[in-house]
Amino acid sequence: MADRPCAGNILRIAGAVILPNLGGIYNGRLTRQHIQSWYANLKFPSFKPPNAVFAPMWVSLYAGMGYGSYLVWRDGGGFTGEAAKLPLIAYGTQLALNWAWTPIFFGQHNIKGGLIDIVALTAAASACGVLFYRVNKTAGLLFVPYVAWLGFATALNYAIWKLNPEKEKSPKDDEKPSGSHAKPS
């Protein structure tokens, strides 16, 4: 029976680490659908890393934030624990903003919308890291590389937006029939 709590903790840790990666897996598929058809045709700043860097970076960052959420859940009294409640709400908020970026940027080809999202995400993740730190120092420190990467990703998104003003896709573009030009009324 002594093995049960340990096994239970391992399952909770695994669930906490897997959860953010689920959105990453979905978004990775969405990204791959647009790499050649849209993204590869954009202009990039000199500091853009190779595409192969992004997937392993996100897997490790998602794992770190997921483990941090487990530590806060554990040390803060679970989902109903007073110490964990606000940090876990902040975690869910920043995770939703994180998962929203790919459908906005890649799915809608909306570079500016992606920039707006990632600025909000960076602020939310920073606040989450501070709140996590108050419950469990390790959990908070796990957000340092994540927030640093988000800062870099924000700069990259901004540079892509500035370099590609004509690549913004208007929602009205979807309404125009192919090959026709809308005439002023």
C-alpha atoms as a PDB file:
ATOM      1  CA  MET A   1       0.000   0.000   0.000  1.00  0.00           C
ATOM      2  CA  ALA A   2       2.965   2.342   0.468  1.00  0.00           C
ATOM      3  CA  ASP A   3       3.432   2.340  -3.304  1.00  0.00           C
ATOM      4  CA  ARG A   4      -0.042   3.797  -3.999  1.00  0.00           C
ATOM      5  CA  PRO A   5       0.658   7.457  -3.093  1.00  0.00           C
ATOM      6  CA  CYS A   6       3.882   7.372  -5.093  1.00  0.00           C
ATOM      7  CA  ALA A   7       2.132   5.858  -8.119  1.00  0.00           C
ATOM      8  CA  GLY A   8      -0.678   8.387  -7.732  1.00  0.00           C
ATOM      9  CA  ASN A   9       1.807  11.251  -7.673  1.00  0.00           C
ATOM     10  CA  ILE A  10       3.533   9.934 -10.777  1.00  0.00           C
ATOM     11  CA  LEU A  11       0.193   9.812 -12.596  1.00  0.00           C
ATOM     12  CA  ARG A  12      -0.657  13.357 -11.449  1.00  0.00           C
ATOM     13  CA  ILE A  13       2.743  14.619 -12.555  1.00  0.00           C
ATOM     14  CA  ALA A  14       2.392  12.860 -15.897  1.00  0.00           C
ATOM     15  CA  GLY A  15      -1.072  14.343 -16.393  1.00  0.00           C
ATOM     16  CA  ALA A  16       0.149  17.836 -15.511  1.00  0.00           C
ATOM     17  CA  VAL A  17       3.075  17.525 -17.944  1.00  0.00           C
ATOM     18  CA  ILE A  18       0.984  15.982 -20.733  1.00  0.00           C
ATOM     19  CA  LEU A  19      -1.888  18.501 -20.527  1.00  0.00           C
ATOM     20  CA  PRO A  20      -0.062  21.545 -21.973  1.00  0.00           C
ATOM     21  CA  ASN A  21       1.634  19.333 -24.557  1.00  0.00           C
ATOM     22  CA  LEU A  22      -1.781  18.236 -25.903  1.00  0.00           C
ATOM     23  CA  GLY A  23      -2.387  21.763 -27.154  1.00  0.00           C
ATOM     24  CA  GLY A  24       1.160  21.798 -28.471  1.00  0.00           C
ATOM     25  CA  ILE A  25       0.576  18.608 -30.443  1.00  0.00           C
ATOM     26  CA  TYR A  26      -2.615  19.975 -31.984  1.00  0.00           C
ATOM     27  CA  ASN A  27      -0.964  23.301 -32.769  1.00  0.00           C
ATOM     28  CA  GLY A  28       2.065  21.550 -34.226  1.00  0.00           C
ATOM     29  CA  ARG A  29      -0.192  19.873 -36.762  1.00  0.00           C
ATOM     30  CA  LEU A  30      -1.828  23.191 -37.600  1.00  0.00           C
ATOM     31  CA  THR A  31       1.585  24.822 -37.996  1.00  0.00           C
ATOM     32  CA  ARG A  32       2.837  22.096 -40.340  1.00  0.00           C
ATOM     33  CA  GLN A  33      -0.188  22.679 -42.586  1.00  0.00           C
ATOM     34  CA  HIS A  34       0.908  26.288 -43.138  1.00  0.00           C
ATOM     35  CA  ILE A  35       4.723  26.098 -43.110  1.00  0.00           C
ATOM     36  CA  GLN A  36       5.220  25.622 -46.862  1.00  0.00           C
ATOM     37  CA  SER A  37       2.088  27.305 -48.160  1.00  0.00           C
ATOM     38  CA  TRP A  38       2.329  30.529 -46.148  1.00  0.00           C
ATOM     39  CA  TYR A  39       5.036  30.808 -43.492  1.00  0.00           C
ATOM     40  CA  ALA A  40       7.955  29.946 -45.776  1.00  0.00           C
ATOM     41  CA  ASN A  41       6.963  32.859 -48.026  1.00  0.00           C
ATOM     42  CA  LEU A  42       7.285  35.465 -45.269  1.00  0.00           C
ATOM     43  CA  LYS A  43      10.279  37.727 -44.722  1.00  0.00           C
ATOM     44  CA  PHE A  44      12.161  36.973 -41.487  1.00  0.00           C
ATOM     45  CA  PRO A  45      14.613  38.845 -39.278  1.00  0.00           C
ATOM     46  CA  SER A  46      18.196  37.598 -39.083  1.00  0.00           C
ATOM     47  CA  PHE A  47      17.646  36.297 -35.531  1.00  0.00           C
ATOM     48  CA  LYS A  48      14.945  33.748 -36.473  1.00  0.00           C
ATOM     49  CA  PRO A  49      16.118  30.289 -35.402  1.00  0.00           C
ATOM     50  CA  PRO A  50      15.716  27.264 -37.683  1.00  0.00           C
ATOM     51  CA  ASN A  51      12.204  25.795 -37.668  1.00  0.00           C
ATOM     52  CA  ALA A  52      13.585  22.587 -36.100  1.00  0.00           C
ATOM     53  CA  VAL A  53      14.254  24.486 -32.846  1.00  0.00           C
ATOM     54  CA  PHE A  54      10.620  25.273 -32.094  1.00  0.00           C
ATOM     55  CA  ALA A  55       9.124  21.810 -31.408  1.00  0.00           C
ATOM     56  CA  PRO A  56      11.747  20.629 -28.867  1.00  0.00           C
ATOM     57  CA  MET A  57      11.734  24.049 -27.225  1.00  0.00           C
ATOM     58  CA  TRP A  58       7.970  23.970 -26.757  1.00  0.00           C
ATOM     59  CA  VAL A  59       7.932  20.368 -25.527  1.00  0.00           C
ATOM     60  CA  SER A  60      10.436  21.242 -22.796  1.00  0.00           C
ATOM     61  CA  LEU A  61       8.695  24.503 -21.864  1.00  0.00           C
ATOM     62  CA  TYR A  62       5.292  22.796 -21.723  1.00  0.00           C
ATOM     63  CA  ALA A  63       6.769  20.034 -19.549  1.00  0.00           C
ATOM     64  CA  GLY A  64       8.275  22.588 -17.172  1.00  0.00           C
ATOM     65  CA  MET A  65       5.106  24.635 -16.845  1.00  0.00           C
ATOM     66  CA  GLY A  66       3.052  21.467 -16.431  1.00  0.00           C
ATOM     67  CA  TYR A  67       5.301  20.202 -13.650  1.00  0.00           C
ATOM     68  CA  GLY A  68       5.134  23.636 -12.045  1.00  0.00           C
ATOM     69  CA  SER A  69       1.335  23.474 -12.100  1.00  0.00           C
ATOM     70  CA  TYR A  70       1.488  20.118 -10.342  1.00  0.00           C
ATOM     71  CA  LEU A  71       3.745  21.574  -7.618  1.00  0.00           C
ATOM     72  CA  VAL A  72       1.337  24.477  -7.071  1.00  0.00           C
ATOM     73  CA  TRP A  73      -1.646  22.143  -7.067  1.00  0.00           C
ATOM     74  CA  ARG A  74       0.108  19.864  -4.555  1.00  0.00           C
ATOM     75  CA  ASP A  75       1.472  22.556  -2.237  1.00  0.00           C
ATOM     76  CA  GLY A  76      -1.464  24.940  -2.571  1.00  0.00           C
ATOM     77  CA  GLY A  77      -4.184  22.522  -1.512  1.00  0.00           C
ATOM     78  CA  GLY A  78      -5.484  21.347  -4.884  1.00  0.00           C
ATOM     79  CA  PHE A  79      -7.989  23.124  -7.092  1.00  0.00           C
ATOM     80  CA  THR A  80     -10.008  24.317  -4.110  1.00  0.00           C
ATOM     81  CA  GLY A  81      -7.022  25.257  -1.963  1.00  0.00           C
ATOM     82  CA  GLU A  82      -6.925  28.960  -1.191  1.00  0.00           C
ATOM     83  CA  ALA A  83      -3.211  29.226  -2.003  1.00  0.00           C
ATOM     84  CA  ALA A  84      -3.555  27.436  -5.361  1.00  0.00           C
ATOM     85  CA  LYS A  85      -6.807  28.943  -6.644  1.00  0.00           C
ATOM     86  CA  LEU A  86      -5.538  32.204  -8.190  1.00  0.00           C
ATOM     87  CA  PRO A  87      -2.236  30.759  -9.481  1.00  0.00           C
ATOM     88  CA  LEU A  88      -4.074  27.905 -11.213  1.00  0.00           C
ATOM     89  CA  ILE A  89      -6.579  30.341 -12.752  1.00  0.00           C
ATOM     90  CA  ALA A  90      -3.609  32.364 -14.026  1.00  0.00           C
ATOM     91  CA  TYR A  91      -2.098  29.133 -15.348  1.00  0.00           C
ATOM     92  CA  GLY A  92      -5.260  28.248 -17.249  1.00  0.00           C
ATOM     93  CA  THR A  93      -5.482  31.775 -18.631  1.00  0.00           C
ATOM     94  CA  GLN A  94      -1.923  31.853 -19.916  1.00  0.00           C
ATOM     95  CA  LEU A  95      -2.277  28.332 -21.307  1.00  0.00           C
ATOM     96  CA  ALA A  96      -5.415  29.352 -23.231  1.00  0.00           C
ATOM     97  CA  LEU A  97      -3.574  32.378 -24.643  1.00  0.00           C
ATOM     98  CA  ASN A  98      -0.638  30.114 -25.514  1.00  0.00           C
ATOM     99  CA  TRP A  99      -2.828  27.644 -27.361  1.00  0.00           C
ATOM    100  CA  ALA A 100      -4.695  30.490 -29.128  1.00  0.00           C
ATOM    101  CA  TRP A 101      -1.562  31.947 -30.729  1.00  0.00           C
ATOM    102  CA  THR A 102      -1.067  29.233 -33.370  1.00  0.00           C
ATOM    103  CA  PRO A 103      -4.640  29.301 -34.748  1.00  0.00           C
ATOM    104  CA  ILE A 104      -4.423  33.103 -34.915  1.00  0.00           C
ATOM    105  CA  PHE A 105      -0.946  33.379 -36.439  1.00  0.00           C
ATOM    106  CA  PHE A 106      -0.778  30.239 -38.585  1.00  0.00           C
ATOM    107  CA  GLY A 107      -4.436  29.298 -38.993  1.00  0.00           C
ATOM    108  CA  GLN A 108      -5.724  32.790 -39.820  1.00  0.00           C
ATOM    109  CA  HIS A 109      -2.403  34.119 -41.192  1.00  0.00           C
ATOM    110  CA  ASN A 110      -2.954  37.011 -38.801  1.00  0.00           C
ATOM    111  CA  ILE A 111       0.514  38.229 -37.828  1.00  0.00           C
ATOM    112  CA  LYS A 112      -0.761  41.307 -35.949  1.00  0.00           C
ATOM    113  CA  GLY A 113      -3.395  39.252 -34.110  1.00  0.00           C
ATOM    114  CA  GLY A 114      -0.660  36.806 -33.117  1.00  0.00           C
ATOM    115  CA  LEU A 115       1.388  39.721 -31.811  1.00  0.00           C
ATOM    116  CA  ILE A 116      -1.506  40.994 -29.709  1.00  0.00           C
ATOM    117  CA  ASP A 117      -2.052  37.497 -28.325  1.00  0.00           C
ATOM    118  CA  ILE A 118       1.610  36.893 -27.488  1.00  0.00           C
ATOM    119  CA  VAL A 119       1.939  40.233 -25.689  1.00  0.00           C
ATOM    120  CA  ALA A 120      -1.059  39.279 -23.524  1.00  0.00           C
ATOM    121  CA  LEU A 121       0.378  35.769 -23.125  1.00  0.00           C
ATOM    122  CA  THR A 122       3.758  37.069 -21.960  1.00  0.00           C
ATOM    123  CA  ALA A 123       2.079  39.296 -19.370  1.00  0.00           C
ATOM    124  CA  ALA A 124      -0.171  36.451 -18.174  1.00  0.00           C
ATOM    125  CA  ALA A 125       2.717  33.951 -18.025  1.00  0.00           C
ATOM    126  CA  SER A 126       4.836  36.451 -16.083  1.00  0.00           C
ATOM    127  CA  ALA A 127       2.028  36.979 -13.571  1.00  0.00           C
ATOM    128  CA  CYS A 128       1.516  33.217 -13.358  1.00  0.00           C
ATOM    129  CA  GLY A 129       5.212  32.665 -12.645  1.00  0.00           C
ATOM    130  CA  VAL A 130       5.106  35.192  -9.800  1.00  0.00           C
ATOM    131  CA  LEU A 131       1.957  33.600  -8.364  1.00  0.00           C
ATOM    132  CA  PHE A 132       3.490  30.130  -8.671  1.00  0.00           C
ATOM    133  CA  TYR A 133       6.658  31.319  -6.906  1.00  0.00           C
ATOM    134  CA  ARG A 134       4.581  32.422  -3.917  1.00  0.00           C
ATOM    135  CA  VAL A 135       3.261  28.865  -3.523  1.00  0.00           C
ATOM    136  CA  ASN A 136       6.350  26.886  -4.581  1.00  0.00           C
ATOM    137  CA  LYS A 137       9.663  28.515  -5.504  1.00  0.00           C
ATOM    138  CA  THR A 138      10.610  25.752  -7.976  1.00  0.00           C
ATOM    139  CA  ALA A 139       7.264  26.132  -9.754  1.00  0.00           C
ATOM    140  CA  GLY A 140       7.857  29.850 -10.132  1.00  0.00           C
ATOM    141  CA  LEU A 141      11.420  29.385 -11.335  1.00  0.00           C
ATOM    142  CA  LEU A 142      10.214  26.923 -13.976  1.00  0.00           C
ATOM    143  CA  PHE A 143       8.482  29.895 -15.591  1.00  0.00           C
ATOM    144  CA  VAL A 144      11.731  31.879 -16.025  1.00  0.00           C
ATOM    145  CA  PRO A 145      12.866  30.096 -19.223  1.00  0.00           C
ATOM    146  CA  TYR A 146       9.278  30.115 -20.500  1.00  0.00           C
ATOM    147  CA  VAL A 147       8.890  33.873 -20.023  1.00  0.00           C
ATOM    148  CA  ALA A 148      12.346  34.430 -21.530  1.00  0.00           C
ATOM    149  CA  TRP A 149      11.354  32.397 -24.600  1.00  0.00           C
ATOM    150  CA  LEU A 150       8.073  34.297 -24.843  1.00  0.00           C
ATOM    151  CA  GLY A 151      10.036  37.552 -24.809  1.00  0.00           C
ATOM    152  CA  PHE A 152      12.128  36.267 -27.700  1.00  0.00           C
ATOM    153  CA  ALA A 153       9.037  34.935 -29.513  1.00  0.00           C
ATOM    154  CA  THR A 154       7.307  38.309 -29.057  1.00  0.00           C
ATOM    155  CA  ALA A 155      10.287  40.094 -30.613  1.00  0.00           C
ATOM    156  CA  LEU A 156      10.255  37.592 -33.472  1.00  0.00           C
ATOM    157  CA  ASN A 157       6.493  38.000 -34.028  1.00  0.00           C
ATOM    158  CA  TYR A 158       6.898  41.797 -33.994  1.00  0.00           C
ATOM    159  CA  ALA A 159       9.761  41.680 -36.511  1.00  0.00           C
ATOM    160  CA  ILE A 160       7.772  39.382 -38.824  1.00  0.00           C
ATOM    161  CA  TRP A 161       4.808  41.752 -38.602  1.00  0.00           C
ATOM    162  CA  LYS A 162       6.977  44.762 -39.481  1.00  0.00           C
ATOM    163  CA  LEU A 163       8.691  42.920 -42.361  1.00  0.00           C
ATOM    164  CA  ASN A 164       5.444  41.588 -43.863  1.00  0.00           C
ATOM    165  CA  PRO A 165       2.747  44.273 -43.781  1.00  0.00           C
ATOM    166  CA  GLU A 166       1.327  43.069 -47.099  1.00  0.00           C
ATOM    167  CA  LYS A 167       1.070  39.464 -45.838  1.00  0.00           C
ATOM    168  CA  GLU A 168      -1.776  40.274 -43.464  1.00  0.00           C
ATOM    169  CA  LYS A 169      -4.899  38.460 -44.536  1.00  0.00           C
ATOM    170  CA  SER A 170      -8.134  40.346 -44.093  1.00  0.00           C
ATOM    171  CA  PRO A 171     -11.216  38.312 -43.114  1.00  0.00           C
ATOM    172  CA  LYS A 172     -12.888  39.951 -46.157  1.00  0.00           C
ATOM    173  CA  ASP A 173     -10.341  38.169 -48.390  1.00  0.00           C
ATOM    174  CA  ASP A 174     -12.237  34.950 -47.695  1.00  0.00           C
ATOM    175  CA  GLU A 175     -15.500  36.514 -48.919  1.00  0.00           C
ATOM    176  CA  LYS A 176     -14.215  37.626 -52.333  1.00  0.00           C
ATOM    177  CA  PRO A 177     -14.653  35.137 -55.144  1.00  0.00           C
ATOM    178  CA  SER A 178     -11.360  33.937 -56.566  1.00  0.00           C
ATOM    179  CA  GLY A 179     -10.160  36.001 -59.518  1.00  0.00           C
ATOM    180  CA  SER A 180     -12.650  38.850 -59.053  1.00  0.00           C
ATOM    181  CA  HIS A 181     -12.096  42.307 -57.722  1.00  0.00           C
ATOM    182  CA  ALA A 182     -14.577  44.010 -55.469  1.00  0.00           C
ATOM    183  CA  LYS A 183     -15.869  47.252 -57.001  1.00  0.00           C
ATOM    184  CA  PRO A 184     -16.721  50.270 -54.896  1.00  0.00           C
ATOM    185  CA  SER A 185     -20.471  50.826 -54.648  1.00  0.00           C
END
